[in-house]
């Protein structure tokens, strides 16, 4: 009779060939794949330099912007958003500085054409060295302009950008705009020769609707790229961005740690890991540097992420259950026993916390065994009593603190 192994039933997943993560086999079902229209490749356009500085109380020096740009290039990001170069001297200098630094990362700059001299704004942005010109309007009235005038403005602006030899994109915050008029604008951009059309916004739309919206834009775009820029006002920015990819979007805007104004924007670390682990993409990102990049941005901005922020939070990869602690102390545990991703694969580290559940003693006894100690029942009771008192003060103890308690139950903790 074949021996039944419940562990195989309890962890029936598909592992990454590099043993970095696993994915639920439901993701691989044909019924699921039939619902997807995935692109061949997904490009990350990171907007930490612009959206990150839109975060309240955040200001970057030019040197800090270059530090972030270098780190983004090192981790594998191909494109970055440098802001409104034609409207902001600081954003213009950002584009120039990235180019002067010799970085190969492509710079994108938003160019509003609902201004007095649209061609001059486009010229300024291109002459600064921006690789991608994102033509945009934001619903600001122009005296004497009707619907046809705005449509013509977009077509002419995109056409002029292409004549200047630049890669051109176009967007409006279509999650709020009237669909019929937005469609006219997008079609005008396509007629003008746009290389990419994008959806700006989210925050007021659910993932299913956003997926339909992306599919709609794909129909307009033809063979042009489609990009998505999803704010996180309802905590579903990443979900909307991924639903856009499911509908065929080739470009996703992100920000490290999800930084932006309001509720933030689709987080870089969440999007790239989801693309890799759920959808099987290789977005070209060095996953092992995710935590390092997050920490650097936190240090520069002085804004700490929540300890339980997915992927990069300091408390995400913490083991505390008594039975888990015991297995770890005995060398019997694997990362996949608890987590879907190997902490080391994304630059994190496994941490042990001895909290209330550890009062069962299994983890502590295993730790003592690891230390080569054999304590009497009376000595164990002293350790547990000392731990109870420590928990009232600290809530949980580190492995080093537990070692001290085991050695000196009456110690400082």
Protein backbone atom coordinates (compact mmCIF):
# COMPACT_ATOMS: atom_id res chain seq x y z
CA UNK A 1 0.00 0.00 0.00
CA UNK A 2 1.38 3.38 -1.00
CA UNK A 3 2.17 5.60 1.96
CA UNK A 4 0.03 8.72 2.13
CA UNK A 5 2.01 11.97 2.42
CA UNK A 6 -0.28 14.77 3.51
CA UNK A 7 2.55 17.30 3.04
CA UNK A 8 2.33 16.78 -0.71
CA UNK A 9 -1.38 17.44 -0.57
CA UNK A 10 -0.91 20.53 1.60
CA UNK A 11 1.69 22.09 -0.72
CA UNK A 12 0.60 21.17 -4.23
CA UNK A 13 2.02 24.18 -6.07
CA UNK A 14 4.27 24.98 -9.01
CA UNK A 15 7.80 26.05 -8.02
CA UNK A 16 9.91 28.54 -9.93
CA UNK A 17 12.85 26.77 -11.67
CA UNK A 18 15.23 28.96 -9.63
CA UNK A 19 13.42 28.09 -6.38
CA UNK A 20 12.59 31.75 -5.74
CA UNK A 21 8.83 31.41 -5.33
CA UNK A 22 5.89 29.19 -6.08
CA UNK A 23 2.54 29.87 -7.71
CA UNK A 24 -0.90 28.42 -7.16
CA UNK A 25 -1.73 25.81 -9.78
CA UNK A 26 -5.09 27.50 -10.32
CA UNK A 27 -3.09 30.26 -12.06
CA UNK A 28 -2.04 27.67 -14.64
CA UNK A 29 -5.46 26.22 -15.40
CA UNK A 30 -6.60 26.41 -19.00
CA UNK A 31 -9.86 28.04 -17.90
CA UNK A 32 -7.84 30.84 -16.30
CA UNK A 33 -5.51 31.24 -19.28
CA UNK A 34 -8.55 31.48 -21.54
CA UNK A 35 -9.56 34.65 -19.67
CA UNK A 36 -6.19 36.31 -20.36
CA UNK A 37 -4.85 38.26 -23.30
CA UNK A 38 -1.31 38.65 -22.02
CA UNK A 39 1.25 40.61 -24.03
CA UNK A 40 4.54 39.05 -25.06
CA UNK A 41 6.49 41.33 -22.70
CA UNK A 42 5.75 43.90 -20.01
CA UNK A 43 7.83 47.06 -19.62
CA UNK A 44 8.08 48.80 -16.27
CA UNK A 45 8.00 52.59 -16.40
CA UNK A 46 8.88 53.72 -12.90
CA UNK A 47 7.61 57.06 -11.67
CA UNK A 48 9.35 57.27 -8.29
CA UNK A 49 11.12 60.49 -9.33
CA UNK A 50 7.84 62.27 -10.09
CA UNK A 51 5.01 60.54 -8.21
CA UNK A 52 7.39 59.89 -5.32
CA UNK A 53 8.01 63.60 -4.94
CA UNK A 54 4.26 64.21 -5.15
CA UNK A 55 4.07 62.40 -1.83
CA UNK A 56 3.40 64.97 0.92
CA UNK A 57 6.54 66.22 2.69
CA UNK A 58 8.92 64.63 0.19
CA UNK A 59 11.58 66.68 -1.58
CA UNK A 60 14.47 65.32 -3.62
CA UNK A 61 17.73 67.08 -4.29
CA UNK A 62 19.08 66.60 -7.78
CA UNK A 63 21.77 64.33 -6.34
CA UNK A 64 19.10 62.17 -4.69
CA UNK A 65 17.18 61.93 -7.96
CA UNK A 66 20.33 60.69 -9.67
CA UNK A 67 20.89 58.22 -6.84
CA UNK A 68 17.39 56.81 -7.34
CA UNK A 69 17.76 56.79 -11.14
CA UNK A 70 21.04 54.86 -10.88
CA UNK A 71 19.46 52.35 -8.50
CA UNK A 72 16.48 51.89 -10.84
CA UNK A 73 18.81 51.31 -13.77
CA UNK A 74 20.86 48.83 -11.73
CA UNK A 75 17.80 46.81 -10.73
CA UNK A 76 16.73 46.63 -14.37
CA UNK A 77 14.07 49.32 -14.88
CA UNK A 78 14.14 50.43 -18.54
CA UNK A 79 12.11 53.68 -18.32
CA UNK A 80 11.55 56.41 -15.73
CA UNK A 81 9.13 59.32 -15.47
CA UNK A 82 11.01 62.60 -14.96
CA UNK A 83 7.96 64.82 -14.70
CA UNK A 84 6.61 67.92 -16.46
CA UNK A 85 9.81 69.11 -18.12
CA UNK A 86 8.12 71.89 -20.11
CA UNK A 87 6.38 73.33 -17.04
CA UNK A 88 8.88 72.76 -14.23
CA UNK A 89 12.48 73.93 -14.23
CA UNK A 90 13.31 71.24 -11.66
CA UNK A 91 11.80 68.49 -13.82
CA UNK A 92 13.64 69.82 -16.86
CA UNK A 93 16.91 69.70 -14.94
CA UNK A 94 16.13 66.11 -13.92
CA UNK A 95 15.97 65.01 -17.54
CA UNK A 96 19.20 66.83 -18.36
CA UNK A 97 21.00 65.46 -15.30
CA UNK A 98 20.07 61.85 -16.04
CA UNK A 99 21.38 62.28 -19.57
CA UNK A 100 24.54 64.06 -18.42
CA UNK A 101 25.23 61.24 -15.97
CA UNK A 102 25.50 58.82 -18.89
CA UNK A 103 22.70 56.55 -17.70
CA UNK A 104 21.18 54.29 -20.33
CA UNK A 105 17.74 54.29 -18.68
CA UNK A 106 15.14 56.00 -20.89
CA UNK A 107 13.60 59.22 -19.62
CA UNK A 108 9.94 60.04 -20.08
CA UNK A 109 8.60 63.58 -19.66
CA UNK A 110 4.96 64.65 -19.64
CA UNK A 111 4.28 67.51 -22.02
CA UNK A 112 1.01 69.35 -21.61
CA UNK A 113 -0.24 70.81 -24.86
CA UNK A 114 -3.20 72.71 -23.38
CA UNK A 115 -0.84 75.68 -23.17
CA UNK A 116 -0.26 78.84 -25.22
CA UNK A 117 2.47 77.36 -27.45
CA UNK A 118 2.25 73.54 -27.62
CA UNK A 119 5.07 73.15 -30.14
CA UNK A 120 7.43 75.19 -27.97
CA UNK A 121 6.62 72.92 -25.00
CA UNK A 122 7.34 69.86 -27.11
CA UNK A 123 10.60 71.38 -28.40
CA UNK A 124 11.74 72.20 -24.88
CA UNK A 125 11.12 68.64 -23.71
CA UNK A 126 12.84 67.01 -26.67
CA UNK A 127 15.78 69.41 -26.56
CA UNK A 128 16.31 68.58 -22.88
CA UNK A 129 16.99 65.00 -23.98
CA UNK A 130 13.78 63.18 -23.02
CA UNK A 131 13.51 59.82 -24.79
CA UNK A 132 9.72 59.53 -24.46
CA UNK A 133 7.39 62.49 -24.90
CA UNK A 134 4.05 61.90 -23.22
CA UNK A 135 1.52 64.30 -24.73
CA UNK A 136 -1.27 65.16 -22.27
CA UNK A 137 -4.24 67.37 -21.56
CA UNK A 138 -6.06 67.51 -18.24
CA UNK A 139 -9.50 68.96 -18.93
CA UNK A 140 -8.42 72.59 -18.65
CA UNK A 141 -10.57 74.92 -20.82
CA UNK A 142 -8.90 76.84 -23.63
CA UNK A 143 -10.80 80.01 -24.62
CA UNK A 144 -12.64 79.52 -27.89
CA UNK A 145 -11.89 75.81 -28.09
CA UNK A 146 -14.58 73.29 -28.93
CA UNK A 147 -14.43 69.50 -29.04
CA UNK A 148 -12.98 69.41 -32.56
CA UNK A 149 -10.26 71.87 -31.58
CA UNK A 150 -9.04 69.64 -28.75
CA UNK A 151 -9.07 66.60 -31.03
CA UNK A 152 -7.05 68.50 -33.66
CA UNK A 153 -4.67 69.73 -30.97
CA UNK A 154 -3.82 66.16 -29.98
CA UNK A 155 -3.33 64.95 -33.55
CA UNK A 156 -1.15 67.93 -34.46
CA UNK A 157 0.91 67.71 -31.25
CA UNK A 158 1.60 64.01 -31.68
CA UNK A 159 2.39 64.48 -35.36
CA UNK A 160 4.80 67.31 -34.56
CA UNK A 161 6.50 65.19 -31.89
CA UNK A 162 6.99 62.36 -34.40
CA UNK A 163 8.37 64.80 -37.00
CA UNK A 164 10.94 65.81 -34.40
CA UNK A 165 11.97 62.14 -34.29
CA UNK A 166 10.85 61.41 -30.73
CA UNK A 167 9.04 58.39 -29.29
CA UNK A 168 5.55 59.66 -28.50
CA UNK A 169 2.91 58.58 -26.03
CA UNK A 170 -0.48 60.07 -25.15
CA UNK A 171 -2.79 59.83 -22.17
CA UNK A 172 -5.76 61.37 -20.44
CA UNK A 173 -7.19 60.40 -17.01
CA UNK A 174 -9.77 58.32 -18.85
CA UNK A 175 -11.17 56.72 -15.69
CA UNK A 176 -13.01 60.02 -15.19
CA UNK A 177 -13.49 61.24 -18.77
CA UNK A 178 -16.52 60.75 -20.98
CA UNK A 179 -15.76 57.65 -23.00
CA UNK A 180 -16.91 58.96 -26.39
CA UNK A 181 -14.77 62.09 -26.19
CA UNK A 182 -11.78 60.19 -24.79
CA UNK A 183 -12.07 57.80 -27.73
CA UNK A 184 -11.88 60.70 -30.16
CA UNK A 185 -8.72 61.94 -28.45
CA UNK A 186 -7.05 58.53 -28.49
CA UNK A 187 -7.92 58.01 -32.15
CA UNK A 188 -6.45 61.43 -32.91
CA UNK A 189 -3.22 60.40 -31.18
CA UNK A 190 -3.09 57.19 -33.22
CA UNK A 191 -3.68 59.14 -36.46
CA UNK A 192 -0.87 61.46 -35.45
CA UNK A 193 1.48 58.51 -35.19
CA UNK A 194 1.67 57.87 -31.44
CA UNK A 195 3.87 54.94 -30.47
CA UNK A 196 1.97 54.36 -27.25
CA UNK A 197 -1.40 55.28 -25.73
CA UNK A 198 -2.02 55.06 -22.01
CA UNK A 199 -4.69 55.12 -19.34
CA UNK A 200 -4.06 57.54 -16.50
CA UNK A 201 -6.12 57.46 -13.36
CA UNK A 202 -7.80 54.55 -11.55
CA UNK A 203 -8.76 54.97 -7.90
CA UNK A 204 -12.45 55.16 -8.83
CA UNK A 205 -12.65 51.98 -10.91
CA UNK A 206 -12.52 48.28 -10.04
CA UNK A 207 -10.13 45.74 -11.60
CA UNK A 208 -12.83 44.14 -13.77
CA UNK A 209 -13.90 47.49 -15.22
CA UNK A 210 -10.27 48.51 -15.67
CA UNK A 211 -9.62 45.31 -17.59
CA UNK A 212 -12.52 46.12 -19.91
CA UNK A 213 -11.24 49.67 -20.28
CA UNK A 214 -7.80 48.40 -21.29
CA UNK A 215 -9.36 46.02 -23.79
CA UNK A 216 -11.28 48.98 -25.23
CA UNK A 217 -8.07 50.99 -25.60
CA UNK A 218 -6.27 48.02 -27.17
CA UNK A 219 -8.96 48.06 -29.84
CA UNK A 220 -8.21 51.71 -30.57
CA UNK A 221 -4.42 51.34 -30.37
CA UNK A 222 -4.03 48.66 -33.01
CA UNK A 223 -0.32 47.77 -33.08
CA UNK A 224 0.63 50.63 -30.73
CA UNK A 225 1.68 49.91 -27.17
CA UNK A 226 -0.84 50.36 -24.38
CA UNK A 227 0.25 51.54 -20.94
CA UNK A 228 -1.53 51.77 -17.57
CA UNK A 229 -0.99 54.20 -14.71
CA UNK A 230 -3.04 53.13 -11.68
CA UNK A 231 -3.41 55.11 -8.49
CA UNK A 232 -4.07 53.26 -5.25
CA UNK A 233 -6.81 55.37 -3.70
CA UNK A 234 -8.83 52.27 -2.78
CA UNK A 235 -5.88 49.98 -2.17
CA UNK A 236 -6.38 48.22 -5.51
CA UNK A 237 -3.83 50.04 -7.67
CA UNK A 238 -1.72 46.93 -8.18
CA UNK A 239 -4.83 44.85 -8.88
CA UNK A 240 -5.95 47.30 -11.56
CA UNK A 241 -2.49 47.41 -13.12
CA UNK A 242 -2.39 43.61 -13.31
CA UNK A 243 -5.90 43.47 -14.74
CA UNK A 244 -4.65 45.85 -17.41
CA UNK A 245 -1.84 43.43 -18.22
CA UNK A 246 -4.40 40.62 -18.39
CA UNK A 247 -6.12 42.62 -21.12
CA UNK A 248 -2.89 43.10 -23.03
CA UNK A 249 -1.23 46.25 -21.65
CA UNK A 250 2.50 46.17 -22.41
CA UNK A 251 3.58 49.01 -20.10
CA UNK A 252 2.91 49.46 -16.38
CA UNK A 253 3.74 52.60 -14.41
CA UNK A 254 4.92 51.96 -10.86
CA UNK A 255 6.52 53.73 -7.93
CA UNK A 256 8.87 52.24 -5.35
CA UNK A 257 6.96 51.55 -2.12
CA UNK A 258 3.83 52.77 -3.93
CA UNK A 259 4.76 56.39 -3.23
CA UNK A 260 2.57 59.15 -4.62
CA UNK A 261 -0.03 61.62 -3.45
CA UNK A 262 -3.37 60.45 -2.08
CA UNK A 263 -3.30 56.71 -1.50
CA UNK A 264 -0.24 56.18 -3.66
CA UNK A 265 0.18 54.29 -6.93
CA UNK A 266 0.76 50.68 -7.98
CA UNK A 267 3.87 49.63 -6.07
CA UNK A 268 6.95 48.67 -8.06
CA UNK A 269 7.83 45.72 -5.84
CA UNK A 270 4.30 44.31 -5.90
CA UNK A 271 3.87 44.61 -9.65
CA UNK A 272 7.20 43.09 -10.65
CA UNK A 273 6.90 40.15 -8.26
CA UNK A 274 3.31 39.46 -9.30
CA UNK A 275 4.29 39.61 -12.98
CA UNK A 276 7.05 37.09 -12.27
CA UNK A 277 5.29 34.69 -9.91
CA UNK A 278 1.68 34.71 -11.11
CA UNK A 279 1.94 35.41 -14.84
CA UNK A 280 5.36 33.94 -15.64
CA UNK A 281 6.87 37.11 -17.10
CA UNK A 282 10.51 38.05 -16.87
CA UNK A 283 10.26 41.85 -16.61
CA UNK A 284 14.05 42.07 -16.43
CA UNK A 285 14.10 43.14 -12.79
CA UNK A 286 16.70 41.87 -10.32
CA UNK A 287 14.30 40.64 -7.67
CA UNK A 288 17.08 40.14 -5.12
CA UNK A 289 17.49 43.93 -4.98
CA UNK A 290 13.86 44.78 -4.18
CA UNK A 291 14.37 45.24 -0.45
CA UNK A 292 17.60 47.19 -0.93
CA UNK A 293 15.89 49.59 -3.34
CA UNK A 294 12.92 50.03 -1.01
CA UNK A 295 15.21 50.77 1.93
CA UNK A 296 17.16 53.35 -0.08
CA UNK A 297 13.99 55.21 -1.06
CA UNK A 298 12.75 55.10 2.53
CA UNK A 299 16.05 56.59 3.71
CA UNK A 300 15.99 59.38 1.13
CA UNK A 301 12.33 60.30 1.65
CA UNK A 302 12.32 59.75 5.42
CA UNK A 303 9.03 57.89 4.94
CA UNK A 304 8.97 54.39 6.41
CA UNK A 305 6.66 51.80 4.93
CA UNK A 306 4.30 49.89 7.18
CA UNK A 307 6.06 46.87 8.78
CA UNK A 308 3.57 44.58 7.04
CA UNK A 309 3.85 46.30 3.63
CA UNK A 310 3.82 43.41 1.18
CA UNK A 311 7.19 42.28 -0.16
CA UNK A 312 9.38 44.97 1.45
CA UNK A 313 7.98 45.49 4.97
CA UNK A 314 10.34 44.70 7.83
CA UNK A 315 7.86 42.30 9.46
CA UNK A 316 6.65 40.42 6.39
CA UNK A 317 9.01 37.47 6.79
CA UNK A 318 8.67 36.75 10.49
CA UNK A 319 8.13 33.30 11.97
CA UNK A 320 6.38 33.10 15.33
CA UNK A 321 4.22 29.96 15.69
CA UNK A 322 5.72 27.57 18.21
CA UNK A 323 5.79 24.56 15.89
CA UNK A 324 7.46 26.64 13.15
CA UNK A 325 10.13 27.87 15.53
CA UNK A 326 10.83 24.31 16.57
CA UNK A 327 11.29 23.14 12.96
CA UNK A 328 13.59 26.07 12.19
CA UNK A 329 15.73 25.41 15.25
CA UNK A 330 16.03 21.76 14.22
CA UNK A 331 16.87 22.65 10.61
CA UNK A 332 13.74 20.93 9.29
CA UNK A 333 11.95 23.98 7.85
CA UNK A 334 11.93 25.32 4.32
CA UNK A 335 10.92 28.81 3.21
CA UNK A 336 7.96 27.31 1.36
CA UNK A 337 6.48 25.93 4.57
CA UNK A 338 5.18 29.42 5.34
CA UNK A 339 5.85 31.85 2.50
CA UNK A 340 5.16 31.82 -1.24
CA UNK A 341 8.49 33.51 -1.95
CA UNK A 342 11.96 32.78 -0.61
CA UNK A 343 12.85 35.88 1.45
CA UNK A 344 16.43 35.80 0.21
CA UNK A 345 15.25 35.86 -3.42
CA UNK A 346 13.94 39.41 -2.91
CA UNK A 347 16.65 40.63 -0.55
CA UNK A 348 14.76 39.96 2.66
CA UNK A 349 15.76 37.86 5.67
CA UNK A 350 13.80 35.42 7.77
CA UNK A 351 13.28 36.73 11.31
CA UNK A 352 12.25 34.77 14.38
CA UNK A 353 9.98 36.26 17.02
CA UNK A 354 9.21 34.42 20.22
CA UNK A 355 5.81 35.71 21.26
CA UNK A 356 2.85 34.36 23.26
CA UNK A 357 2.53 31.24 21.10
CA UNK A 358 6.12 30.31 21.99
CA UNK A 359 5.10 29.85 25.63
CA UNK A 360 4.23 26.30 24.61
CA UNK A 361 7.94 25.75 24.89
CA UNK A 362 8.64 23.69 21.75
CA UNK A 363 10.60 26.42 19.99
CA UNK A 364 12.43 27.43 23.15
CA UNK A 365 13.43 23.84 23.96
CA UNK A 366 14.67 23.39 20.41
CA UNK A 367 16.68 26.60 20.75
CA UNK A 368 18.21 25.34 23.99
CA UNK A 369 19.10 22.11 22.23
CA UNK A 370 20.74 24.09 19.47
CA UNK A 371 22.76 25.84 22.17
CA UNK A 372 23.82 22.48 23.59
CA UNK A 373 21.94 22.97 26.86
CA UNK A 374 19.76 20.54 28.77
CA UNK A 375 17.71 22.22 31.49
CA UNK A 376 15.76 20.68 34.30
CA UNK A 377 11.98 21.13 34.59
CA UNK A 378 12.51 23.73 37.29
CA UNK A 379 14.92 25.66 35.11
CA UNK A 380 12.41 25.52 32.24
CA UNK A 381 9.73 27.02 34.44
CA UNK A 382 12.06 29.88 35.34
CA UNK A 383 12.70 30.54 31.66
CA UNK A 384 8.98 30.56 30.85
CA UNK A 385 8.13 32.83 33.77
CA UNK A 386 10.88 35.24 32.76
CA UNK A 387 9.56 35.17 29.20
CA UNK A 388 6.01 35.98 30.35
CA UNK A 389 7.28 39.05 32.18
CA UNK A 390 9.35 40.10 29.16
CA UNK A 391 6.37 39.75 26.84
CA UNK A 392 4.41 42.24 28.95
CA UNK A 393 7.10 44.81 28.15
CA UNK A 394 8.23 43.91 24.65
CA UNK A 395 5.39 41.89 23.10
CA UNK A 396 7.87 39.54 21.47
CA UNK A 397 11.51 38.54 21.82
CA UNK A 398 14.23 38.06 19.23
CA UNK A 399 16.32 34.93 18.97
CA UNK A 400 19.23 36.70 20.69
CA UNK A 401 16.99 37.77 23.57
CA UNK A 402 15.70 34.22 23.98
CA UNK A 403 19.29 32.99 24.20
CA UNK A 404 19.90 35.40 27.07
CA UNK A 405 16.75 34.24 28.86
CA UNK A 406 17.74 30.60 28.49
CA UNK A 407 21.19 31.33 29.89
CA UNK A 408 20.02 33.75 32.57
CA UNK A 409 16.28 33.49 33.31
CA UNK A 410 16.59 36.24 35.91
CA UNK A 411 18.38 38.62 33.53
CA UNK A 412 17.39 42.02 32.25
CA UNK A 413 14.55 40.83 30.02
